[in-house]
Amino acid sequence: MRNPSERLDGPSLFAFWGNDKPDSVFRFGTREFDWHSHVRGQFFFVENGLVHVQTSRGSWLLPPHRAGWIPPGVSHKIRLSGVVSGWGVLVTPDASQGLPAEPCVVGVSDLMGALVRRAANWQSKEQLDDEQERIVAVLLDEVRRARREPLHLPMPVDHRLLRVAMALLQHPDDRRTLADLSKDAGLSARTARRLFQAETGVTFMRWREQARLSHAMERLAHGDAVASVADGLGYATPSNFIAMFRRVYGEPPGRYFKRRGSSPGGLDAL
């Protein structure tokens, strides 16, 4: 069978369920896929674990029960951590028009999930009938209307600023100020602050917070205790970290990961 992600012919949309079995079209598990791109746009969802997507513009985290979107032709690198099951949807460039132009993470409605389940039964079809085309149209409308999740970490382009960003990604508990960090990189604090805003679209403080959250999400998805994660990020108390997590994602970490079947650190009520 030809790889459906590289087909311009056939149905405008391929949908399928994946698992960690060797014969799965959309293989999950714990693995890495180096830099590559696809002819079709890729929309995917995981029921457990975590997906880390890296592009030239930054990185995205896909936790359980959210969906990730990668437009056609966008080069990316993917790391899967403990993903057992989920689904994927592959969309032709023509059908992708009107969908987000950049990779992103969105919420998944019950209707969206039901439509994907229906479309997954069409794998053997080379041409969709009128009813199926209408289902595809509704599914793509659901994707367009889906709420975007704040899980994007844009990266600066300036090599000096990139040095600052990489230092913080490697040591998320680093408490040094931007003035100290930029001095080591050969920049003034004022220039670093201006470049961060111009090249990433967010302030340095917001970027640092999102970098810490990205690190936290990966550790929480692996089952690390919230207290341990908070300590590793340099927070004085777990409650400070939980408050920050709630402010950004609208709910505390335990509730955010609840659908995985177990909450980080056993904090089911947080």
C-alpha atoms as a PDB file:
ATOM      1  CA  MET A   1       0.000   0.000   0.000  1.00  0.00           C
ATOM      2  CA  ARG A   2       1.326   3.433  -0.936  1.00  0.00           C
ATOM      3  CA  ASN A   3       2.016   5.794   1.927  1.00  0.00           C
ATOM      4  CA  PRO A   4      -1.221   7.843   2.119  1.00  0.00           C
ATOM      5  CA  SER A   5       0.641  10.883   3.487  1.00  0.00           C
ATOM      6  CA  GLU A   6       2.485  11.199   0.148  1.00  0.00           C
ATOM      7  CA  ARG A   7      -0.536  10.826  -2.157  1.00  0.00           C
ATOM      8  CA  LEU A   8      -2.005  13.737  -4.085  1.00  0.00           C
ATOM      9  CA  ASP A   9      -4.485  11.413  -5.755  1.00  0.00           C
ATOM     10  CA  GLY A  10      -7.357   9.530  -4.154  1.00  0.00           C
ATOM     11  CA  PRO A  11      -9.819  10.903  -1.569  1.00  0.00           C
ATOM     12  CA  SER A  12      -9.289  14.424  -0.261  1.00  0.00           C
ATOM     13  CA  LEU A  13      -9.071  12.959   3.237  1.00  0.00           C
ATOM     14  CA  PHE A  14      -7.666   9.729   4.688  1.00  0.00           C
ATOM     15  CA  ALA A  15      -8.490   8.933   8.332  1.00  0.00           C
ATOM     16  CA  PHE A  16      -7.248   6.029  10.442  1.00  0.00           C
ATOM     17  CA  TRP A  17      -6.652   4.847  14.003  1.00  0.00           C
ATOM     18  CA  GLY A  18      -3.137   4.071  15.121  1.00  0.00           C
ATOM     19  CA  ASN A  19      -1.398   2.053  17.831  1.00  0.00           C
ATOM     20  CA  ASP A  20       2.062   0.706  18.626  1.00  0.00           C
ATOM     21  CA  LYS A  21       1.783  -2.439  16.513  1.00  0.00           C
ATOM     22  CA  PRO A  22       4.339  -2.919  13.688  1.00  0.00           C
ATOM     23  CA  ASP A  23       1.642  -3.003  10.985  1.00  0.00           C
ATOM     24  CA  SER A  24      -0.046   0.230  12.123  1.00  0.00           C
ATOM     25  CA  VAL A  25      -0.264   2.873   9.373  1.00  0.00           C
ATOM     26  CA  PHE A  26       0.138   5.594  11.988  1.00  0.00           C
ATOM     27  CA  ARG A  27       2.731   4.038  14.302  1.00  0.00           C
ATOM     28  CA  PHE A  28       2.828   5.219  17.910  1.00  0.00           C
ATOM     29  CA  GLY A  29       4.812   4.158  20.990  1.00  0.00           C
ATOM     30  CA  THR A  30       7.990   5.895  22.164  1.00  0.00           C
ATOM     31  CA  ARG A  31      10.094   6.848  19.194  1.00  0.00           C
ATOM     32  CA  GLU A  32      11.557   9.742  17.211  1.00  0.00           C
ATOM     33  CA  PHE A  33      11.116  10.716  13.572  1.00  0.00           C
ATOM     34  CA  ASP A  34      13.896  12.931  12.200  1.00  0.00           C
ATOM     35  CA  TRP A  35      13.299  15.925   9.939  1.00  0.00           C
ATOM     36  CA  HIS A  36      10.814  15.203   7.144  1.00  0.00           C
ATOM     37  CA  SER A  37       7.725  16.599   5.442  1.00  0.00           C
ATOM     38  CA  HIS A  38       4.565  15.242   3.814  1.00  0.00           C
ATOM     39  CA  VAL A  39       2.651  16.086   0.664  1.00  0.00           C
ATOM     40  CA  ARG A  40      -0.585  16.032   2.651  1.00  0.00           C
ATOM     41  CA  GLY A  41      -1.452  18.029   5.729  1.00  0.00           C
ATOM     42  CA  GLN A  42      -1.429  15.985   8.923  1.00  0.00           C
ATOM     43  CA  PHE A  43      -4.005  16.252  11.716  1.00  0.00           C
ATOM     44  CA  PHE A  44      -3.429  13.862  14.624  1.00  0.00           C
ATOM     45  CA  PHE A  45      -4.741  13.059  18.104  1.00  0.00           C
ATOM     46  CA  VAL A  46      -3.375  10.928  20.959  1.00  0.00           C
ATOM     47  CA  GLU A  47      -5.294   9.315  23.810  1.00  0.00           C
ATOM     48  CA  ASN A  48      -2.261   9.099  26.100  1.00  0.00           C
ATOM     49  CA  GLY A  49       1.392  10.101  26.295  1.00  0.00           C
ATOM     50  CA  LEU A  50       2.826  13.216  24.673  1.00  0.00           C
ATOM     51  CA  VAL A  51       3.935  14.328  21.209  1.00  0.00           C
ATOM     52  CA  HIS A  52       6.650  16.960  20.754  1.00  0.00           C
ATOM     53  CA  VAL A  53       6.707  18.548  17.279  1.00  0.00           C
ATOM     54  CA  GLN A  54       9.650  20.723  16.243  1.00  0.00           C
ATOM     55  CA  THR A  55       9.746  23.009  13.191  1.00  0.00           C
ATOM     56  CA  SER A  56      12.038  25.802  12.038  1.00  0.00           C
ATOM     57  CA  ARG A  57       9.624  28.301  13.622  1.00  0.00           C
ATOM     58  CA  GLY A  58       9.542  26.683  17.062  1.00  0.00           C
ATOM     59  CA  SER A  59       8.089  23.677  18.825  1.00  0.00           C
ATOM     60  CA  TRP A  60       4.631  22.439  19.812  1.00  0.00           C
ATOM     61  CA  LEU A  61       3.539  20.015  22.511  1.00  0.00           C
ATOM     62  CA  LEU A  62       0.551  17.746  21.971  1.00  0.00           C
ATOM     63  CA  PRO A  63      -0.860  16.332  25.231  1.00  0.00           C
ATOM     64  CA  PRO A  64      -3.683  13.771  25.360  1.00  0.00           C
ATOM     65  CA  HIS A  65      -7.109  14.679  23.983  1.00  0.00           C
ATOM     66  CA  ARG A  66      -5.864  17.600  21.935  1.00  0.00           C
ATOM     67  CA  ALA A  67      -5.110  17.496  18.209  1.00  0.00           C
ATOM     68  CA  GLY A  68      -2.049  18.698  16.324  1.00  0.00           C
ATOM     69  CA  TRP A  69      -2.049  20.144  12.816  1.00  0.00           C
ATOM     70  CA  ILE A  70       0.937  20.234  10.425  1.00  0.00           C
ATOM     71  CA  PRO A  71       0.233  21.896   7.042  1.00  0.00           C
ATOM     72  CA  PRO A  72       1.306  20.236   3.787  1.00  0.00           C
ATOM     73  CA  GLY A  73       5.014  20.490   2.995  1.00  0.00           C
ATOM     74  CA  VAL A  74       6.098  21.826   6.404  1.00  0.00           C
ATOM     75  CA  SER A  75       9.370  20.231   7.525  1.00  0.00           C
ATOM     76  CA  HIS A  76       9.132  18.873  11.055  1.00  0.00           C
ATOM     77  CA  LYS A  77      10.649  16.528  13.597  1.00  0.00           C
ATOM     78  CA  ILE A  78       8.518  14.459  15.989  1.00  0.00           C
ATOM     79  CA  ARG A  79       9.196  12.779  19.326  1.00  0.00           C
ATOM     80  CA  LEU A  80       6.552  10.430  20.745  1.00  0.00           C
ATOM     81  CA  SER A  81       6.576   9.604  24.455  1.00  0.00           C
ATOM     82  CA  GLY A  82       4.442   6.714  25.678  1.00  0.00           C
ATOM     83  CA  VAL A  83       1.715   7.086  23.058  1.00  0.00           C
ATOM     84  CA  VAL A  84      -0.386   3.907  22.888  1.00  0.00           C
ATOM     85  CA  SER A  85      -3.307   4.902  20.674  1.00  0.00           C
ATOM     86  CA  GLY A  86      -4.831   7.760  18.724  1.00  0.00           C
ATOM     87  CA  TRP A  87      -5.893   8.758  15.241  1.00  0.00           C
ATOM     88  CA  GLY A  88      -4.566  10.581  12.215  1.00  0.00           C
ATOM     89  CA  VAL A  89      -6.156  12.481   9.330  1.00  0.00           C
ATOM     90  CA  LEU A  90      -4.309  13.263   6.098  1.00  0.00           C
ATOM     91  CA  VAL A  91      -5.633  16.117   3.952  1.00  0.00           C
ATOM     92  CA  THR A  92      -4.661  17.107   0.389  1.00  0.00           C
ATOM     93  CA  PRO A  93      -3.205  20.602  -0.171  1.00  0.00           C
ATOM     94  CA  ASP A  94      -6.412  21.690  -1.921  1.00  0.00           C
ATOM     95  CA  ALA A  95      -8.605  20.506   0.958  1.00  0.00           C
ATOM     96  CA  SER A  96      -6.177  22.144   3.442  1.00  0.00           C
ATOM     97  CA  GLN A  97      -6.958  25.636   2.151  1.00  0.00           C
ATOM     98  CA  GLY A  98      -8.596  27.607   4.927  1.00  0.00           C
ATOM     99  CA  LEU A  99      -6.955  25.512   7.646  1.00  0.00           C
ATOM    100  CA  PRO A 100      -4.228  27.118   9.821  1.00  0.00           C
ATOM    101  CA  ALA A 101      -1.138  28.105   7.811  1.00  0.00           C
ATOM    102  CA  GLU A 102       1.196  27.214  10.692  1.00  0.00           C
ATOM    103  CA  PRO A 103       1.453  24.072  12.860  1.00  0.00           C
ATOM    104  CA  CYS A 104      -0.701  24.338  15.962  1.00  0.00           C
ATOM    105  CA  VAL A 105      -2.548  22.428  18.678  1.00  0.00           C
ATOM    106  CA  VAL A 106      -6.339  22.644  18.954  1.00  0.00           C
ATOM    107  CA  GLY A 107      -9.078  21.337  21.171  1.00  0.00           C
ATOM    108  CA  VAL A 108     -11.126  18.357  19.968  1.00  0.00           C
ATOM    109  CA  SER A 109     -14.924  18.392  20.114  1.00  0.00           C
ATOM    110  CA  ASP A 110     -17.074  15.268  20.451  1.00  0.00           C
ATOM    111  CA  LEU A 111     -18.370  15.925  16.939  1.00  0.00           C
ATOM    112  CA  MET A 112     -14.854  16.048  15.522  1.00  0.00           C
ATOM    113  CA  GLY A 113     -13.956  12.721  17.104  1.00  0.00           C
ATOM    114  CA  ALA A 114     -17.188  11.105  15.840  1.00  0.00           C
ATOM    115  CA  LEU A 115     -16.558  12.343  12.285  1.00  0.00           C
ATOM    116  CA  VAL A 116     -13.015  10.944  12.300  1.00  0.00           C
ATOM    117  CA  ARG A 117     -14.354   7.575  13.491  1.00  0.00           C
ATOM    118  CA  ARG A 118     -16.794   7.562  10.584  1.00  0.00           C
ATOM    119  CA  ALA A 119     -14.129   8.567   8.062  1.00  0.00           C
ATOM    120  CA  ALA A 120     -11.738   5.882   9.333  1.00  0.00           C
ATOM    121  CA  ASN A 121     -14.082   3.281   7.827  1.00  0.00           C
ATOM    122  CA  TRP A 122     -13.359   4.578   4.323  1.00  0.00           C
ATOM    123  CA  GLN A 123      -9.725   3.460   4.092  1.00  0.00           C
ATOM    124  CA  SER A 124     -10.354   1.143   1.140  1.00  0.00           C
ATOM    125  CA  LYS A 125     -12.158   3.789  -0.900  1.00  0.00           C
ATOM    126  CA  GLU A 126     -10.384   5.541  -3.763  1.00  0.00           C
ATOM    127  CA  GLN A 127     -13.285   7.927  -4.334  1.00  0.00           C
ATOM    128  CA  LEU A 128     -15.783   9.350  -1.856  1.00  0.00           C
ATOM    129  CA  ASP A 129     -19.498   9.628  -2.578  1.00  0.00           C
ATOM    130  CA  ASP A 130     -21.537  12.787  -2.046  1.00  0.00           C
ATOM    131  CA  GLU A 131     -22.527  11.895   1.529  1.00  0.00           C
ATOM    132  CA  GLN A 132     -18.916  11.200   2.495  1.00  0.00           C
ATOM    133  CA  GLU A 133     -17.764  14.464   0.912  1.00  0.00           C
ATOM    134  CA  ARG A 134     -20.305  16.310   3.065  1.00  0.00           C
ATOM    135  CA  ILE A 135     -18.902  14.595   6.160  1.00  0.00           C
ATOM    136  CA  VAL A 136     -15.398  15.676   5.124  1.00  0.00           C
ATOM    137  CA  ALA A 137     -16.632  19.271   4.730  1.00  0.00           C
ATOM    138  CA  VAL A 138     -18.155  19.262   8.232  1.00  0.00           C
ATOM    139  CA  LEU A 139     -14.988  17.723   9.715  1.00  0.00           C
ATOM    140  CA  LEU A 140     -12.787  20.394   8.136  1.00  0.00           C
ATOM    141  CA  ASP A 141     -15.181  23.073   9.410  1.00  0.00           C
ATOM    142  CA  GLU A 142     -14.765  21.649  12.925  1.00  0.00           C
ATOM    143  CA  VAL A 143     -10.981  21.918  12.550  1.00  0.00           C
ATOM    144  CA  ARG A 144     -11.240  25.544  11.384  1.00  0.00           C
ATOM    145  CA  ARG A 145     -13.480  26.435  14.323  1.00  0.00           C
ATOM    146  CA  ALA A 146     -11.463  24.557  16.958  1.00  0.00           C
ATOM    147  CA  ARG A 147      -9.959  26.566  19.802  1.00  0.00           C
ATOM    148  CA  ARG A 148      -6.180  26.831  19.623  1.00  0.00           C
ATOM    149  CA  GLU A 149      -4.227  25.699  22.675  1.00  0.00           C
ATOM    150  CA  PRO A 150      -1.313  27.805  24.068  1.00  0.00           C
ATOM    151  CA  LEU A 151       1.286  25.075  23.503  1.00  0.00           C
ATOM    152  CA  HIS A 152       3.556  26.787  20.987  1.00  0.00           C
ATOM    153  CA  LEU A 153       7.114  27.794  21.866  1.00  0.00           C
ATOM    154  CA  PRO A 154       8.473  30.083  19.107  1.00  0.00           C
ATOM    155  CA  MET A 155      12.252  30.287  18.730  1.00  0.00           C
ATOM    156  CA  PRO A 156      14.281  33.437  17.963  1.00  0.00           C
ATOM    157  CA  VAL A 157      16.408  33.659  14.816  1.00  0.00           C
ATOM    158  CA  ASP A 158      19.260  35.934  15.954  1.00  0.00           C
ATOM    159  CA  HIS A 159      22.168  33.634  16.853  1.00  0.00           C
ATOM    160  CA  ARG A 160      22.926  35.541  20.081  1.00  0.00           C
ATOM    161  CA  LEU A 161      19.323  35.406  21.206  1.00  0.00           C
ATOM    162  CA  LEU A 162      19.095  31.761  20.195  1.00  0.00           C
ATOM    163  CA  ARG A 163      22.018  31.113  22.538  1.00  0.00           C
ATOM    164  CA  VAL A 164      19.985  32.613  25.398  1.00  0.00           C
ATOM    165  CA  ALA A 165      16.918  30.572  24.466  1.00  0.00           C
ATOM    166  CA  MET A 166      18.834  27.296  24.238  1.00  0.00           C
ATOM    167  CA  ALA A 167      20.492  27.914  27.620  1.00  0.00           C
ATOM    168  CA  LEU A 168      17.060  28.295  29.219  1.00  0.00           C
ATOM    169  CA  LEU A 169      15.694  25.199  27.495  1.00  0.00           C
ATOM    170  CA  GLN A 170      18.617  23.157  28.794  1.00  0.00           C
ATOM    171  CA  HIS A 171      18.320  24.643  32.297  1.00  0.00           C
ATOM    172  CA  PRO A 172      14.671  25.642  32.873  1.00  0.00           C
ATOM    173  CA  ASP A 173      15.400  26.307  36.566  1.00  0.00           C
ATOM    174  CA  ASP A 174      17.902  29.064  35.653  1.00  0.00           C
ATOM    175  CA  ARG A 175      16.808  32.141  37.637  1.00  0.00           C
ATOM    176  CA  ARG A 176      19.136  34.678  36.024  1.00  0.00           C
ATOM    177  CA  THR A 177      17.617  37.875  34.644  1.00  0.00           C
ATOM    178  CA  LEU A 178      17.539  38.765  30.954  1.00  0.00           C
ATOM    179  CA  ALA A 179      20.250  41.346  31.639  1.00  0.00           C
ATOM    180  CA  ASP A 180      22.599  38.637  32.934  1.00  0.00           C
ATOM    181  CA  LEU A 181      21.719  36.155  30.198  1.00  0.00           C
ATOM    182  CA  SER A 182      22.021  38.659  27.354  1.00  0.00           C
ATOM    183  CA  LYS A 183      25.346  39.960  28.674  1.00  0.00           C
ATOM    184  CA  ASP A 184      26.818  36.476  28.354  1.00  0.00           C
ATOM    185  CA  ALA A 185      25.523  36.335  24.764  1.00  0.00           C
ATOM    186  CA  GLY A 186      26.994  39.725  23.819  1.00  0.00           C
ATOM    187  CA  LEU A 187      23.732  41.682  23.844  1.00  0.00           C
ATOM    188  CA  SER A 188      22.378  44.537  25.862  1.00  0.00           C
ATOM    189  CA  ALA A 189      19.234  43.791  27.855  1.00  0.00           C
ATOM    190  CA  ARG A 190      17.330  46.421  25.860  1.00  0.00           C
ATOM    191  CA  THR A 191      18.316  44.918  22.506  1.00  0.00           C
ATOM    192  CA  ALA A 192      17.579  41.382  23.721  1.00  0.00           C
ATOM    193  CA  ARG A 193      14.155  42.428  24.975  1.00  0.00           C
ATOM    194  CA  ARG A 194      13.314  44.136  21.668  1.00  0.00           C
ATOM    195  CA  LEU A 195      14.546  41.208  19.553  1.00  0.00           C
ATOM    196  CA  PHE A 196      12.679  38.642  21.631  1.00  0.00           C
ATOM    197  CA  GLN A 197       9.417  40.476  21.037  1.00  0.00           C
ATOM    198  CA  ALA A 198      10.111  41.009  17.322  1.00  0.00           C
ATOM    199  CA  GLU A 199      11.306  37.472  16.531  1.00  0.00           C
ATOM    200  CA  THR A 200       9.017  35.351  18.719  1.00  0.00           C
ATOM    201  CA  GLY A 201       5.936  37.556  18.988  1.00  0.00           C
ATOM    202  CA  VAL A 202       5.963  37.372  22.799  1.00  0.00           C
ATOM    203  CA  THR A 203       7.843  39.080  25.611  1.00  0.00           C
ATOM    204  CA  PHE A 204      10.887  37.437  27.158  1.00  0.00           C
ATOM    205  CA  MET A 205       9.005  36.787  30.405  1.00  0.00           C
ATOM    206  CA  ARG A 206       6.133  35.119  28.542  1.00  0.00           C
ATOM    207  CA  TRP A 207       8.601  33.060  26.467  1.00  0.00           C
ATOM    208  CA  ARG A 208      10.478  31.902  29.571  1.00  0.00           C
ATOM    209  CA  GLU A 209       7.202  30.890  31.223  1.00  0.00           C
ATOM    210  CA  GLN A 210       6.152  28.926  28.136  1.00  0.00           C
ATOM    211  CA  ALA A 211       9.567  27.235  27.956  1.00  0.00           C
ATOM    212  CA  ARG A 212       9.174  26.088  31.557  1.00  0.00           C
ATOM    213  CA  LEU A 213       5.656  24.861  30.841  1.00  0.00           C
ATOM    214  CA  SER A 214       6.893  22.888  27.829  1.00  0.00           C
ATOM    215  CA  HIS A 215       9.434  21.166  30.045  1.00  0.00           C
ATOM    216  CA  ALA A 216       6.793  20.605  32.717  1.00  0.00           C
ATOM    217  CA  MET A 217       4.317  19.083  30.270  1.00  0.00           C
ATOM    218  CA  GLU A 218       6.833  16.478  29.122  1.00  0.00           C
ATOM    219  CA  ARG A 219       7.688  15.491  32.694  1.00  0.00           C
ATOM    220  CA  LEU A 220       4.035  15.383  33.762  1.00  0.00           C
ATOM    221  CA  ALA A 221       3.161  13.193  30.774  1.00  0.00           C
ATOM    222  CA  HIS A 222       5.812  10.749  31.957  1.00  0.00           C
ATOM    223  CA  GLY A 223       4.119  10.580  35.366  1.00  0.00           C
ATOM    224  CA  ASP A 224       6.500  12.761  37.380  1.00  0.00           C
ATOM    225  CA  ALA A 225       5.016  14.193  40.569  1.00  0.00           C
ATOM    226  CA  VAL A 226       3.867  17.798  40.424  1.00  0.00           C
ATOM    227  CA  ALA A 227       6.040  18.658  43.439  1.00  0.00           C
ATOM    228  CA  SER A 228       9.115  17.255  41.709  1.00  0.00           C
ATOM    229  CA  VAL A 229       8.355  19.141  38.499  1.00  0.00           C
ATOM    230  CA  ALA A 230       7.798  22.402  40.386  1.00  0.00           C
ATOM    231  CA  ASP A 231      11.101  21.992  42.244  1.00  0.00           C
ATOM    232  CA  GLY A 232      12.952  21.191  39.015  1.00  0.00           C
ATOM    233  CA  LEU A 233      11.664  24.413  37.453  1.00  0.00           C
ATOM    234  CA  GLY A 234      12.780  26.526  40.388  1.00  0.00           C
ATOM    235  CA  TYR A 235       9.354  27.272  41.905  1.00  0.00           C
ATOM    236  CA  ALA A 236       9.381  27.949  45.629  1.00  0.00           C
ATOM    237  CA  THR A 237       6.324  25.743  46.241  1.00  0.00           C
ATOM    238  CA  PRO A 238       4.165  23.348  44.179  1.00  0.00           C
ATOM    239  CA  SER A 239       1.205  25.683  44.713  1.00  0.00           C
ATOM    240  CA  ASN A 240       3.035  28.479  42.859  1.00  0.00           C
ATOM    241  CA  PHE A 241       3.594  26.178  39.894  1.00  0.00           C
ATOM    242  CA  ILE A 242      -0.015  24.930  39.977  1.00  0.00           C
ATOM    243  CA  ALA A 243      -1.309  28.521  40.028  1.00  0.00           C
ATOM    244  CA  MET A 244       0.807  29.403  36.981  1.00  0.00           C
ATOM    245  CA  PHE A 245      -0.322  26.243  35.141  1.00  0.00           C
ATOM    246  CA  ARG A 246      -3.965  27.024  35.915  1.00  0.00           C
ATOM    247  CA  ARG A 247      -3.593  30.620  34.697  1.00  0.00           C
ATOM    248  CA  VAL A 248      -2.169  29.522  31.311  1.00  0.00           C
ATOM    249  CA  TYR A 249      -4.210  26.373  30.633  1.00  0.00           C
ATOM    250  CA  GLY A 250      -7.382  27.177  32.541  1.00  0.00           C
ATOM    251  CA  GLU A 251      -7.138  24.188  34.894  1.00  0.00           C
ATOM    252  CA  PRO A 252      -4.556  22.599  37.237  1.00  0.00           C
ATOM    253  CA  PRO A 253      -2.191  19.869  35.968  1.00  0.00           C
ATOM    254  CA  GLY A 254      -4.036  16.967  37.596  1.00  0.00           C
ATOM    255  CA  ARG A 255      -7.295  17.852  35.877  1.00  0.00           C
ATOM    256  CA  TYR A 256      -5.554  18.686  32.601  1.00  0.00           C
ATOM    257  CA  PHE A 257      -4.136  15.159  32.368  1.00  0.00           C
ATOM    258  CA  LYS A 258      -7.137  13.426  33.951  1.00  0.00           C
ATOM    259  CA  ARG A 259      -8.307  11.765  30.730  1.00  0.00           C
ATOM    260  CA  ARG A 260      -5.042   9.861  30.528  1.00  0.00           C
ATOM    261  CA  GLY A 261      -6.427   7.585  33.220  1.00  0.00           C
ATOM    262  CA  SER A 262      -4.113   8.847  35.985  1.00  0.00           C
ATOM    263  CA  SER A 263      -3.142  12.290  37.155  1.00  0.00           C
ATOM    264  CA  PRO A 264       0.456  13.516  37.564  1.00  0.00           C
ATOM    265  CA  GLY A 265       1.754  12.769  41.043  1.00  0.00           C
ATOM    266  CA  GLY A 266      -1.658  11.376  42.049  1.00  0.00           C
ATOM    267  CA  LEU A 267      -3.144  14.871  42.355  1.00  0.00           C
ATOM    268  CA  ASP A 268      -6.549  13.892  40.974  1.00  0.00           C
ATOM    269  CA  ALA A 269      -8.345  16.725  42.712  1.00  0.00           C
ATOM    270  CA  LEU A 270      -5.960  19.516  41.724  1.00  0.00           C
END
